[in-house]
Amino acid sequence: MRIPPEIVNEFELKVRGVVDGVLVGKFRSRSFGGSPEFAEHRLYNPGDDVRRIDWKVYARKRRLFVKVFFHESEIPLILLHDDSLSMAYQGKDRMASLFTGAFAYMAYRGNNAMTFLSLSGRYVPTGRGYSHVLRIYAETLKDKEPLSPFRESVLKVLALSRKRVLVAIVSDFAFPLEDLTVGINLLSRHHEVVAVHTVAPGEWNFRDDGKILLDMETGRRLSVPPNSNDVQRQRIRAWVTGVRRAVVQAGGRYALVFSDEDFATALRRAVGELFENV
């Protein structure tokens, strides 16, 4: 699959550069180890162990490359990405694409295999390497689709791997809390789970009382009572609290991000909440 140059350039600028800046010297994967099985070369990134630089390759290409080795302790990653219609509201889809791309790149930096599955059913099989990261990122930029039941996506994830993996969910979780609770509990019995909850500022600070709104998933027109902004905000915040509780009580890790945040700031905070002390 050939990735359009504009997508590659965008990823390099908006995702790779930010991730390298956030992770430098802090989160070195245990997947780099003493295994003698060589995996590949990749470009040197600030914070990499300089002892892994292949100077013979440098002599030929005049660019720094490091040796990457397979290691039995590596943790495969399954990315469960929300590409449903509700994600198009106030840039939630954009923030979700950046986070999914960031997690894929982090897996690449740790030499971990990665698999992509969207809530609408899009699928990128397990793979490695930088080109695989770009393929996943390009998949997140495609048009939004109607939402499939969350439980169906959970069952698909469980069918992908019998061994314990890391499942990273990036979503606005705009589906029934009961479905989320059942699905997260099922996932957590078999895998490690981290969840990035993407919320729009217009949801958190609701100001559309007295208006008729369109449900982006169902197409239904919803009439919002006048003078109900405070009530709607309380409902939204109670729902966000419910999502967090469902994830944490199942043994997962949770991070809340807003679609209008600076990505580097949001990523730095989320990485700390999701991966520190793991």
Protein backbone atom coordinates (compact mmCIF):
# COMPACT_ATOMS: atom_id res chain seq x y z
CA MET A 1 0.00 0.00 0.00
CA ARG A 2 1.49 3.31 -1.11
CA ILE A 3 0.96 6.09 1.42
CA PRO A 4 0.40 9.53 -0.16
CA PRO A 5 3.38 11.84 0.48
CA GLU A 6 1.19 14.46 2.13
CA ILE A 7 0.10 11.94 4.77
CA VAL A 8 3.71 10.89 5.38
CA ASN A 9 4.79 14.51 5.75
CA GLU A 10 1.89 15.25 8.09
CA PHE A 11 2.72 12.25 10.25
CA GLU A 12 6.39 13.22 10.43
CA LEU A 13 5.52 16.74 11.51
CA LYS A 14 2.48 16.30 13.74
CA VAL A 15 3.01 12.86 15.29
CA ARG A 16 6.54 11.51 15.04
CA GLY A 17 8.25 14.75 16.03
CA VAL A 18 5.88 15.23 18.98
CA VAL A 19 6.24 11.64 20.22
CA ASP A 20 10.04 11.77 20.04
CA GLY A 21 9.98 15.01 22.02
CA VAL A 22 7.66 13.62 24.67
CA LEU A 23 9.34 10.25 25.10
CA VAL A 24 13.03 11.10 24.75
CA GLY A 25 14.98 9.52 27.57
CA LYS A 26 11.87 8.53 29.53
CA PHE A 27 10.08 5.48 28.20
CA ARG A 28 12.57 3.01 26.76
CA SER A 29 10.86 -0.23 25.93
CA ARG A 30 11.90 -3.47 27.60
CA SER A 31 11.53 -4.99 24.15
CA PHE A 32 15.10 -3.95 23.37
CA GLY A 33 17.05 -6.74 24.96
CA GLY A 34 19.79 -9.28 24.71
CA SER A 35 18.20 -11.54 22.16
CA PRO A 36 20.64 -12.34 19.36
CA GLU A 37 17.86 -12.38 16.74
CA PHE A 38 18.27 -9.31 14.55
CA ALA A 39 14.98 -7.69 13.46
CA GLU A 40 15.79 -4.61 11.36
CA HIS A 41 17.58 -1.29 11.12
CA ARG A 42 15.76 1.94 11.79
CA LEU A 43 16.77 5.58 11.87
CA TYR A 44 18.39 6.77 15.08
CA ASN A 45 16.10 8.84 17.30
CA PRO A 46 17.24 11.10 20.15
CA GLY A 47 17.25 9.03 23.33
CA ASP A 48 18.17 5.74 21.61
CA ASP A 49 21.06 3.75 23.07
CA VAL A 50 24.11 4.93 21.11
CA ARG A 51 25.65 1.48 21.57
CA ARG A 52 23.11 0.15 19.08
CA ILE A 53 24.22 2.47 16.28
CA ASP A 54 25.44 0.46 13.29
CA TRP A 55 28.55 2.34 12.21
CA LYS A 56 29.01 0.17 9.13
CA VAL A 57 25.65 1.34 7.82
CA TYR A 58 26.58 4.91 8.70
CA ALA A 59 29.77 4.59 6.63
CA ARG A 60 27.66 3.63 3.60
CA LYS A 61 24.66 5.93 3.98
CA ARG A 62 26.05 8.78 6.09
CA ARG A 63 22.95 8.56 8.29
CA LEU A 64 22.64 7.08 11.76
CA PHE A 65 20.77 3.78 12.05
CA VAL A 66 20.32 1.57 15.09
CA LYS A 67 20.04 -2.20 15.26
CA VAL A 68 16.71 -3.55 16.50
CA PHE A 69 16.39 -7.02 17.99
CA PHE A 70 13.42 -9.21 18.72
CA HIS A 71 12.93 -9.97 22.39
CA GLU A 72 10.74 -12.47 24.11
CA SER A 73 9.34 -9.82 26.47
CA GLU A 74 7.84 -7.66 23.73
CA ILE A 75 4.19 -6.72 24.13
CA PRO A 76 2.07 -6.72 20.95
CA LEU A 77 -0.32 -3.80 20.55
CA ILE A 78 -3.89 -3.86 19.27
CA LEU A 79 -5.27 -0.43 18.42
CA LEU A 80 -9.05 -0.13 18.71
CA HIS A 81 -9.85 3.14 16.97
CA ASP A 82 -13.19 4.94 16.88
CA ASP A 83 -13.99 6.06 13.33
CA SER A 84 -17.72 6.48 13.91
CA LEU A 85 -19.78 9.46 12.78
CA SER A 86 -19.91 11.09 16.21
CA MET A 87 -16.13 11.54 16.12
CA ALA A 88 -16.51 14.22 13.43
CA TYR A 89 -17.83 16.67 16.03
CA GLN A 90 -15.40 19.52 16.86
CA GLY A 91 -12.27 17.67 15.84
CA LYS A 92 -12.56 14.57 18.01
CA ASP A 93 -11.60 12.47 14.99
CA ARG A 94 -8.46 14.53 14.46
CA MET A 95 -7.27 14.12 18.03
CA ALA A 96 -8.07 10.40 17.88
CA SER A 97 -6.01 9.99 14.70
CA LEU A 98 -3.05 11.71 16.33
CA PHE A 99 -3.25 9.47 19.40
CA THR A 100 -3.67 6.26 17.42
CA GLY A 101 -0.73 7.25 15.23
CA ALA A 102 1.30 8.09 18.34
CA PHE A 103 0.61 4.72 19.96
CA ALA A 104 1.53 2.92 16.74
CA TYR A 105 4.78 4.86 16.56
CA MET A 106 5.53 4.13 20.21
CA ALA A 107 5.05 0.43 19.46
CA TYR A 108 7.45 0.77 16.54
CA ARG A 109 10.00 2.49 18.76
CA GLY A 110 9.73 -0.48 21.12
CA ASN A 111 9.92 -3.01 18.28
CA ASN A 112 6.45 -4.32 19.10
CA ALA A 113 4.04 -5.77 16.58
CA MET A 114 0.84 -3.79 16.08
CA THR A 115 -2.66 -4.50 14.76
CA PHE A 116 -5.36 -1.98 13.86
CA LEU A 117 -9.11 -2.43 14.19
CA SER A 118 -11.71 0.33 13.95
CA LEU A 119 -15.13 0.34 15.54
CA SER A 120 -16.68 0.32 12.05
CA GLY A 121 -14.77 -2.85 11.15
CA ARG A 122 -11.71 -1.55 9.28
CA TYR A 123 -8.71 -3.79 9.82
CA VAL A 124 -4.96 -3.66 9.30
CA PRO A 125 -3.31 -7.04 10.03
CA THR A 126 -0.46 -7.45 12.48
CA GLY A 127 2.83 -6.02 11.28
CA ARG A 128 5.97 -4.15 12.23
CA GLY A 129 8.06 -1.32 10.92
CA TYR A 130 7.65 2.32 10.12
CA SER A 131 5.69 1.70 6.92
CA HIS A 132 3.15 -0.24 8.98
CA VAL A 133 2.79 2.74 11.33
CA LEU A 134 2.08 4.99 8.33
CA ARG A 135 -0.48 2.54 6.97
CA ILE A 136 -2.34 2.56 10.29
CA TYR A 137 -2.25 6.34 10.50
CA ALA A 138 -3.58 6.65 6.94
CA GLU A 139 -6.44 4.33 7.87
CA THR A 140 -7.52 6.66 10.69
CA LEU A 141 -7.92 9.55 8.22
CA LYS A 142 -10.56 7.85 6.08
CA ASP A 143 -14.22 8.89 6.06
CA LYS A 144 -16.28 8.20 9.15
CA GLU A 145 -18.63 5.20 9.23
CA PRO A 146 -21.74 4.19 11.22
CA LEU A 147 -20.87 2.75 14.61
CA SER A 148 -20.94 -1.02 15.10
CA PRO A 149 -21.87 -2.40 18.54
CA PHE A 150 -18.91 -2.14 20.91
CA ARG A 151 -19.28 -5.75 22.00
CA GLU A 152 -18.76 -6.88 18.40
CA SER A 153 -15.45 -5.01 18.30
CA VAL A 154 -14.42 -6.59 21.60
CA LEU A 155 -15.11 -10.07 20.26
CA LYS A 156 -13.03 -9.29 17.17
CA VAL A 157 -10.14 -8.15 19.38
CA LEU A 158 -10.35 -11.34 21.43
CA ALA A 159 -10.27 -13.40 18.25
CA LEU A 160 -7.07 -11.68 17.09
CA SER A 161 -4.77 -12.95 19.83
CA ARG A 162 -4.77 -15.72 22.41
CA LYS A 163 -1.70 -14.34 24.14
CA ARG A 164 -1.90 -11.33 26.44
CA VAL A 165 -1.47 -8.05 24.53
CA LEU A 166 -1.92 -4.35 25.13
CA VAL A 167 -5.22 -3.01 23.77
CA ALA A 168 -5.31 0.76 23.32
CA ILE A 169 -8.80 2.17 22.79
CA VAL A 170 -9.14 5.68 21.37
CA SER A 171 -12.78 6.77 21.31
CA ASP A 172 -15.42 9.25 22.44
CA PHE A 173 -17.28 6.26 23.93
CA ALA A 174 -20.59 7.59 22.60
CA PHE A 175 -22.42 4.34 23.19
CA PRO A 176 -24.38 2.85 26.10
CA LEU A 177 -22.39 2.65 29.31
CA GLU A 178 -23.67 -0.88 29.87
CA ASP A 179 -22.11 -2.01 26.59
CA LEU A 180 -18.83 -0.35 27.54
CA THR A 181 -18.79 -1.97 30.98
CA VAL A 182 -19.44 -5.46 29.62
CA GLY A 183 -16.93 -5.04 26.81
CA ILE A 184 -14.15 -3.57 28.95
CA ASN A 185 -14.55 -6.28 31.59
CA LEU A 186 -14.33 -8.95 28.93
CA LEU A 187 -11.24 -7.40 27.38
CA SER A 188 -9.50 -6.93 30.72
CA ARG A 189 -9.83 -10.62 31.59
CA HIS A 190 -7.49 -11.45 28.74
CA HIS A 191 -5.47 -8.31 27.94
CA GLU A 192 -4.01 -5.10 29.31
CA VAL A 193 -6.32 -2.19 28.46
CA VAL A 194 -5.67 1.54 28.17
CA ALA A 195 -8.35 3.99 27.08
CA VAL A 196 -8.07 7.50 25.69
CA HIS A 197 -11.42 9.27 26.01
CA THR A 198 -11.73 12.09 23.46
CA VAL A 199 -14.27 14.75 24.41
CA ALA A 200 -15.20 17.93 22.50
CA PRO A 201 -15.30 21.32 24.26
CA GLY A 202 -18.88 21.77 23.09
CA GLU A 203 -19.81 18.61 24.99
CA TRP A 204 -17.94 19.43 28.20
CA ASN A 205 -19.08 23.07 28.26
CA PHE A 206 -22.52 22.63 26.72
CA ARG A 207 -24.10 25.87 25.45
CA ASP A 208 -26.77 24.69 23.02
CA ASP A 209 -29.88 24.82 25.21
CA GLY A 210 -33.05 25.70 23.38
CA LYS A 211 -31.72 24.35 20.07
CA ILE A 212 -32.56 21.34 17.94
CA LEU A 213 -29.49 19.13 17.52
CA LEU A 214 -28.76 16.27 15.16
CA ASP A 215 -27.53 12.95 16.55
CA MET A 216 -24.58 12.21 14.25
CA GLU A 217 -24.86 8.44 14.74
CA THR A 218 -28.62 7.90 14.34
CA GLY A 219 -29.64 10.99 12.37
CA ARG A 220 -32.36 11.76 14.94
CA ARG A 221 -33.26 15.37 15.68
CA LEU A 222 -33.05 16.14 19.39
CA SER A 223 -34.77 19.11 21.01
CA VAL A 224 -32.79 20.59 23.92
CA PRO A 225 -34.94 22.33 26.55
CA PRO A 226 -34.25 26.04 27.11
CA ASN A 227 -32.26 27.11 30.17
CA SER A 228 -30.79 23.63 30.55
CA ASN A 229 -27.08 24.25 29.93
CA ASP A 230 -26.13 23.47 33.53
CA VAL A 231 -28.18 20.29 33.54
CA GLN A 232 -26.66 19.12 30.25
CA ARG A 233 -23.14 19.81 31.51
CA GLN A 234 -23.82 17.78 34.63
CA ARG A 235 -25.06 14.90 32.47
CA ILE A 236 -21.98 15.01 30.27
CA ARG A 237 -19.62 15.08 33.23
CA ALA A 238 -21.48 12.26 34.95
CA TRP A 239 -21.19 10.24 31.73
CA VAL A 240 -17.44 10.93 31.52
CA THR A 241 -17.09 9.87 35.15
CA GLY A 242 -19.03 6.69 34.34
CA VAL A 243 -16.71 5.85 31.44
CA ARG A 244 -13.65 6.37 33.61
CA ARG A 245 -15.12 4.25 36.41
CA ALA A 246 -15.96 1.41 34.01
CA VAL A 247 -12.39 1.33 32.66
CA VAL A 248 -10.62 1.64 36.01
CA GLN A 249 -12.83 -0.85 37.85
CA ALA A 250 -12.11 -3.38 35.13
CA GLY A 251 -8.39 -2.94 35.79
CA GLY A 252 -7.68 -0.69 32.81
CA ARG A 253 -6.03 2.72 32.65
CA TYR A 254 -7.85 5.86 31.54
CA ALA A 255 -6.94 9.29 30.19
CA LEU A 256 -9.30 12.12 29.25
CA VAL A 257 -8.30 14.48 26.44
CA PHE A 258 -10.15 17.35 24.79
CA SER A 259 -10.26 17.77 21.05
CA ASP A 260 -9.12 21.40 21.19
CA GLU A 261 -6.03 20.68 23.31
CA ASP A 262 -2.48 21.08 22.13
CA PHE A 263 -1.55 17.55 21.06
CA ALA A 264 1.90 17.52 22.66
CA THR A 265 0.44 18.63 25.99
CA ALA A 266 -2.37 16.07 25.81
CA LEU A 267 0.01 13.27 24.83
CA ARG A 268 2.48 14.06 27.60
CA ARG A 269 -0.28 13.98 30.20
CA ALA A 270 -1.90 10.83 28.79
CA VAL A 271 1.40 8.93 28.61
CA GLY A 272 2.00 9.73 32.26
CA GLU A 273 -1.47 8.57 33.27
CA LEU A 274 -1.47 5.43 31.13
CA PHE A 275 2.08 4.10 31.25
CA GLU A 276 3.98 5.42 34.26
CA ASN A 277 4.75 2.79 36.90
CA VAL A 278 3.60 -0.01 34.61
